[in-house]
């Protein structure tokens, strides 16, 4: 643990950001998986799940959690399945 006050604060804020990033990334992965399973099962609400997955991918890419090209690639693969 650091002794300097600003370093202590940085550790706390880094931990907060890490937890927020993990939750966004987990939600993104879940949305993509739900969309993929709905598309393969020809579910009636697949388009709703697909749009939610695209939105979560865009959000993760804009926050820098995943690379923008990785988001685009995943979206393209989902659209191909649709």
N, C-alpha and C. Protein backbone atom coordinates (compact mmCIF):
# COMPACT_ATOMS: atom_id res chain seq x y z
N UNK A 1 0.85 -1.18 0.00
CA UNK A 1 0.00 0.00 0.00
C UNK A 1 0.89 1.24 0.00
N UNK A 2 0.58 2.21 -0.83
CA UNK A 2 1.40 3.42 -0.89
C UNK A 2 1.22 4.30 0.34
N UNK A 3 2.22 5.13 0.59
CA UNK A 3 2.18 6.05 1.73
C UNK A 3 1.70 7.44 1.34
N UNK A 4 1.91 7.82 0.10
CA UNK A 4 1.56 9.16 -0.35
C UNK A 4 0.05 9.24 -0.59
N UNK A 5 -0.53 10.36 -0.17
CA UNK A 5 -1.98 10.52 -0.22
C UNK A 5 -2.54 10.39 -1.64
N UNK A 6 -1.88 11.01 -2.59
CA UNK A 6 -2.37 10.95 -3.97
C UNK A 6 -2.26 9.54 -4.53
N UNK A 7 -1.23 8.82 -4.15
CA UNK A 7 -1.06 7.44 -4.62
C UNK A 7 -2.13 6.53 -4.01
N UNK A 8 -2.49 6.79 -2.77
CA UNK A 8 -3.56 6.03 -2.11
C UNK A 8 -4.87 6.27 -2.87
N UNK A 9 -5.12 7.52 -3.23
CA UNK A 9 -6.34 7.86 -3.96
C UNK A 9 -6.35 7.19 -5.34
N UNK A 10 -5.20 7.17 -6.00
CA UNK A 10 -5.12 6.53 -7.31
C UNK A 10 -5.43 5.04 -7.22
N UNK A 11 -4.96 4.39 -6.16
CA UNK A 11 -5.25 2.97 -5.97
C UNK A 11 -6.75 2.76 -5.83
N UNK A 12 -7.40 3.63 -5.05
CA UNK A 12 -8.85 3.51 -4.85
C UNK A 12 -9.62 3.75 -6.14
N UNK A 13 -9.25 4.81 -6.87
CA UNK A 13 -9.97 5.12 -8.10
C UNK A 13 -9.71 4.06 -9.18
N UNK A 14 -8.49 3.52 -9.20
CA UNK A 14 -8.18 2.47 -10.17
C UNK A 14 -9.01 1.22 -9.88
N UNK A 15 -9.21 0.91 -8.62
CA UNK A 15 -10.02 -0.24 -8.23
C UNK A 15 -11.48 -0.04 -8.63
N UNK A 16 -11.98 1.19 -8.43
CA UNK A 16 -13.36 1.51 -8.81
C UNK A 16 -13.53 1.38 -10.33
N UNK A 17 -12.59 1.92 -11.08
CA UNK A 17 -12.66 1.86 -12.54
C UNK A 17 -12.57 0.43 -13.03
N UNK A 18 -11.72 -0.36 -12.38
CA UNK A 18 -11.56 -1.76 -12.76
C UNK A 18 -12.87 -2.52 -12.59
N UNK A 19 -13.54 -2.29 -11.46
CA UNK A 19 -14.81 -2.97 -11.21
C UNK A 19 -15.88 -2.53 -12.21
N UNK A 20 -15.92 -1.25 -12.53
CA UNK A 20 -16.89 -0.75 -13.50
C UNK A 20 -16.61 -1.35 -14.88
N UNK A 21 -15.34 -1.40 -15.26
CA UNK A 21 -14.96 -1.95 -16.57
C UNK A 21 -15.30 -3.43 -16.66
N UNK A 22 -15.08 -4.16 -15.57
CA UNK A 22 -15.39 -5.59 -15.56
C UNK A 22 -16.88 -5.80 -15.76
N UNK A 23 -17.71 -4.98 -15.09
CA UNK A 23 -19.16 -5.16 -15.22
C UNK A 23 -19.63 -4.84 -16.63
N UNK A 24 -19.08 -3.80 -17.25
CA UNK A 24 -19.47 -3.45 -18.62
C UNK A 24 -19.03 -4.54 -19.58
N UNK A 25 -17.83 -5.06 -19.40
CA UNK A 25 -17.32 -6.09 -20.29
C UNK A 25 -18.11 -7.40 -20.14
N UNK A 26 -18.49 -7.73 -18.92
CA UNK A 26 -19.28 -8.93 -18.67
C UNK A 26 -20.66 -8.80 -19.30
N UNK A 27 -21.27 -7.62 -19.16
CA UNK A 27 -22.58 -7.39 -19.77
C UNK A 27 -22.49 -7.48 -21.29
N UNK A 28 -21.39 -6.98 -21.84
CA UNK A 28 -21.19 -7.05 -23.29
C UNK A 28 -21.10 -8.50 -23.75
N UNK A 29 -20.30 -9.28 -23.07
CA UNK A 29 -20.14 -10.69 -23.43
C UNK A 29 -21.47 -11.44 -23.34
N UNK A 30 -22.23 -11.16 -22.27
CA UNK A 30 -23.53 -11.81 -22.09
C UNK A 30 -24.49 -11.44 -23.21
N UNK A 31 -24.50 -10.17 -23.60
CA UNK A 31 -25.39 -9.72 -24.66
C UNK A 31 -25.04 -10.38 -25.98
N UNK A 32 -23.76 -10.51 -26.25
CA UNK A 32 -23.32 -11.14 -27.49
C UNK A 32 -23.71 -12.62 -27.50
N UNK A 33 -23.51 -13.30 -26.38
CA UNK A 33 -23.86 -14.72 -26.30
C UNK A 33 -25.36 -14.93 -26.46
N UNK A 34 -26.15 -14.07 -25.81
CA UNK A 34 -27.61 -14.18 -25.93
C UNK A 34 -28.05 -13.97 -27.37
N UNK A 35 -27.46 -12.99 -28.04
CA UNK A 35 -27.80 -12.72 -29.43
C UNK A 35 -27.41 -13.89 -30.32
N UNK A 36 -26.23 -14.46 -30.09
CA UNK A 36 -25.79 -15.59 -30.91
C UNK A 36 -26.70 -16.80 -30.74
N UNK A 37 -27.08 -17.10 -29.50
CA UNK A 37 -27.95 -18.25 -29.28
C UNK A 37 -29.34 -18.01 -29.86
N UNK A 38 -29.83 -16.78 -29.77
CA UNK A 38 -31.14 -16.46 -30.34
C UNK A 38 -31.12 -16.55 -31.86
N UNK A 39 -30.01 -16.11 -32.46
CA UNK A 39 -29.91 -16.17 -33.92
C UNK A 39 -29.81 -17.61 -34.42
N UNK A 40 -29.08 -18.44 -33.71
CA UNK A 40 -28.94 -19.83 -34.15
C UNK A 40 -30.23 -20.61 -33.92
N UNK A 41 -30.99 -20.23 -32.88
CA UNK A 41 -32.24 -20.91 -32.59
C UNK A 41 -33.42 -20.32 -33.35
N UNK A 42 -33.17 -19.30 -34.18
CA UNK A 42 -34.22 -18.61 -34.95
C UNK A 42 -35.33 -18.11 -34.02
N UNK A 43 -34.90 -17.49 -32.93
CA UNK A 43 -35.84 -16.95 -31.95
C UNK A 43 -36.53 -15.70 -32.50
N UNK A 44 -37.78 -15.43 -32.04
CA UNK A 44 -38.52 -14.28 -32.58
C UNK A 44 -37.99 -12.95 -32.07
N UNK A 45 -37.37 -12.92 -30.89
CA UNK A 45 -36.82 -11.66 -30.38
C UNK A 45 -35.32 -11.55 -30.62
N UNK A 46 -34.85 -12.21 -31.66
CA UNK A 46 -33.42 -12.19 -31.99
C UNK A 46 -32.98 -10.80 -32.42
N UNK A 47 -33.84 -10.07 -33.10
CA UNK A 47 -33.45 -8.74 -33.56
C UNK A 47 -33.28 -7.77 -32.40
N UNK A 48 -34.11 -7.93 -31.37
CA UNK A 48 -33.99 -7.09 -30.18
C UNK A 48 -32.68 -7.40 -29.46
N UNK A 49 -32.37 -8.68 -29.33
CA UNK A 49 -31.12 -9.08 -28.68
C UNK A 49 -29.91 -8.68 -29.51
N UNK A 50 -30.06 -8.72 -30.82
CA UNK A 50 -28.97 -8.31 -31.71
C UNK A 50 -28.67 -6.82 -31.55
N UNK A 51 -29.71 -6.01 -31.48
CA UNK A 51 -29.48 -4.57 -31.32
C UNK A 51 -28.88 -4.27 -29.95
N UNK A 52 -29.27 -5.02 -28.92
CA UNK A 52 -28.68 -4.83 -27.60
C UNK A 52 -27.21 -5.21 -27.60
N UNK A 53 -26.87 -6.26 -28.33
CA UNK A 53 -25.48 -6.70 -28.40
C UNK A 53 -24.63 -5.67 -29.14
N UNK A 54 -25.17 -5.12 -30.22
CA UNK A 54 -24.44 -4.10 -30.99
C UNK A 54 -24.22 -2.86 -30.13
N UNK A 55 -25.24 -2.48 -29.39
CA UNK A 55 -25.13 -1.31 -28.52
C UNK A 55 -24.06 -1.53 -27.44
N UNK A 56 -24.06 -2.72 -26.83
CA UNK A 56 -23.07 -2.99 -25.79
C UNK A 56 -21.66 -3.07 -26.37
N UNK A 57 -21.52 -3.59 -27.59
CA UNK A 57 -20.21 -3.62 -28.24
C UNK A 57 -19.71 -2.21 -28.52
N UNK A 58 -20.60 -1.35 -29.01
CA UNK A 58 -20.21 0.03 -29.28
C UNK A 58 -19.81 0.75 -28.00
N UNK A 59 -20.54 0.50 -26.94
CA UNK A 59 -20.25 1.14 -25.66
C UNK A 59 -18.88 0.71 -25.13
N UNK A 60 -18.60 -0.59 -25.21
CA UNK A 60 -17.31 -1.11 -24.75
C UNK A 60 -16.17 -0.57 -25.60
N UNK A 61 -16.40 -0.44 -26.90
CA UNK A 61 -15.35 0.09 -27.79
C UNK A 61 -15.11 1.57 -27.51
N UNK A 62 -16.18 2.32 -27.24
CA UNK A 62 -16.00 3.75 -26.98
C UNK A 62 -15.29 4.00 -25.66
N UNK A 63 -15.47 3.09 -24.70
CA UNK A 63 -14.79 3.23 -23.42
C UNK A 63 -13.36 2.70 -23.46
N UNK A 64 -13.01 2.05 -24.55
CA UNK A 64 -11.66 1.53 -24.68
C UNK A 64 -11.46 0.17 -24.04
N UNK A 65 -12.55 -0.52 -23.72
CA UNK A 65 -12.43 -1.83 -23.11
C UNK A 65 -12.04 -2.89 -24.12
N UNK A 66 -12.53 -2.72 -25.34
CA UNK A 66 -12.11 -3.58 -26.44
C UNK A 66 -11.72 -2.68 -27.60
N UNK A 67 -10.93 -3.20 -28.50
CA UNK A 67 -10.48 -2.42 -29.65
C UNK A 67 -11.65 -2.20 -30.59
N UNK A 68 -11.66 -1.06 -31.25
CA UNK A 68 -12.78 -0.74 -32.14
C UNK A 68 -12.90 -1.72 -33.29
N UNK A 69 -11.77 -2.25 -33.76
CA UNK A 69 -11.83 -3.24 -34.84
C UNK A 69 -12.37 -4.58 -34.34
N UNK A 70 -12.08 -4.90 -33.09
CA UNK A 70 -12.63 -6.13 -32.50
C UNK A 70 -14.14 -6.02 -32.37
N UNK A 71 -14.63 -4.84 -32.01
CA UNK A 71 -16.07 -4.61 -31.92
C UNK A 71 -16.70 -4.72 -33.30
N UNK A 72 -16.07 -4.11 -34.29
CA UNK A 72 -16.59 -4.16 -35.65
C UNK A 72 -16.61 -5.58 -36.18
N UNK A 73 -15.58 -6.34 -35.88
CA UNK A 73 -15.50 -7.73 -36.33
C UNK A 73 -16.61 -8.56 -35.70
N UNK A 74 -16.84 -8.37 -34.41
CA UNK A 74 -17.88 -9.13 -33.72
C UNK A 74 -19.26 -8.76 -34.25
N UNK A 75 -19.47 -7.45 -34.50
CA UNK A 75 -20.76 -7.01 -35.05
C UNK A 75 -20.97 -7.60 -36.44
N UNK A 76 -19.93 -7.64 -37.25
CA UNK A 76 -20.03 -8.19 -38.59
C UNK A 76 -20.39 -9.68 -38.55
N UNK A 77 -19.80 -10.39 -37.63
CA UNK A 77 -20.10 -11.82 -37.50
C UNK A 77 -21.54 -12.04 -37.06
N UNK A 78 -22.01 -11.18 -36.14
CA UNK A 78 -23.40 -11.29 -35.70
C UNK A 78 -24.35 -10.99 -36.85
N UNK A 79 -24.06 -9.95 -37.60
CA UNK A 79 -24.92 -9.57 -38.73
C UNK A 79 -24.93 -10.66 -39.81
N UNK A 80 -23.79 -11.33 -39.97
CA UNK A 80 -23.72 -12.41 -40.95
C UNK A 80 -24.65 -13.55 -40.55
N UNK A 81 -24.72 -13.83 -39.23
CA UNK A 81 -25.60 -14.88 -38.75
C UNK A 81 -27.07 -14.48 -38.89
N UNK A 82 -27.32 -13.19 -38.80
CA UNK A 82 -28.70 -12.69 -38.94
C UNK A 82 -29.11 -12.76 -40.39
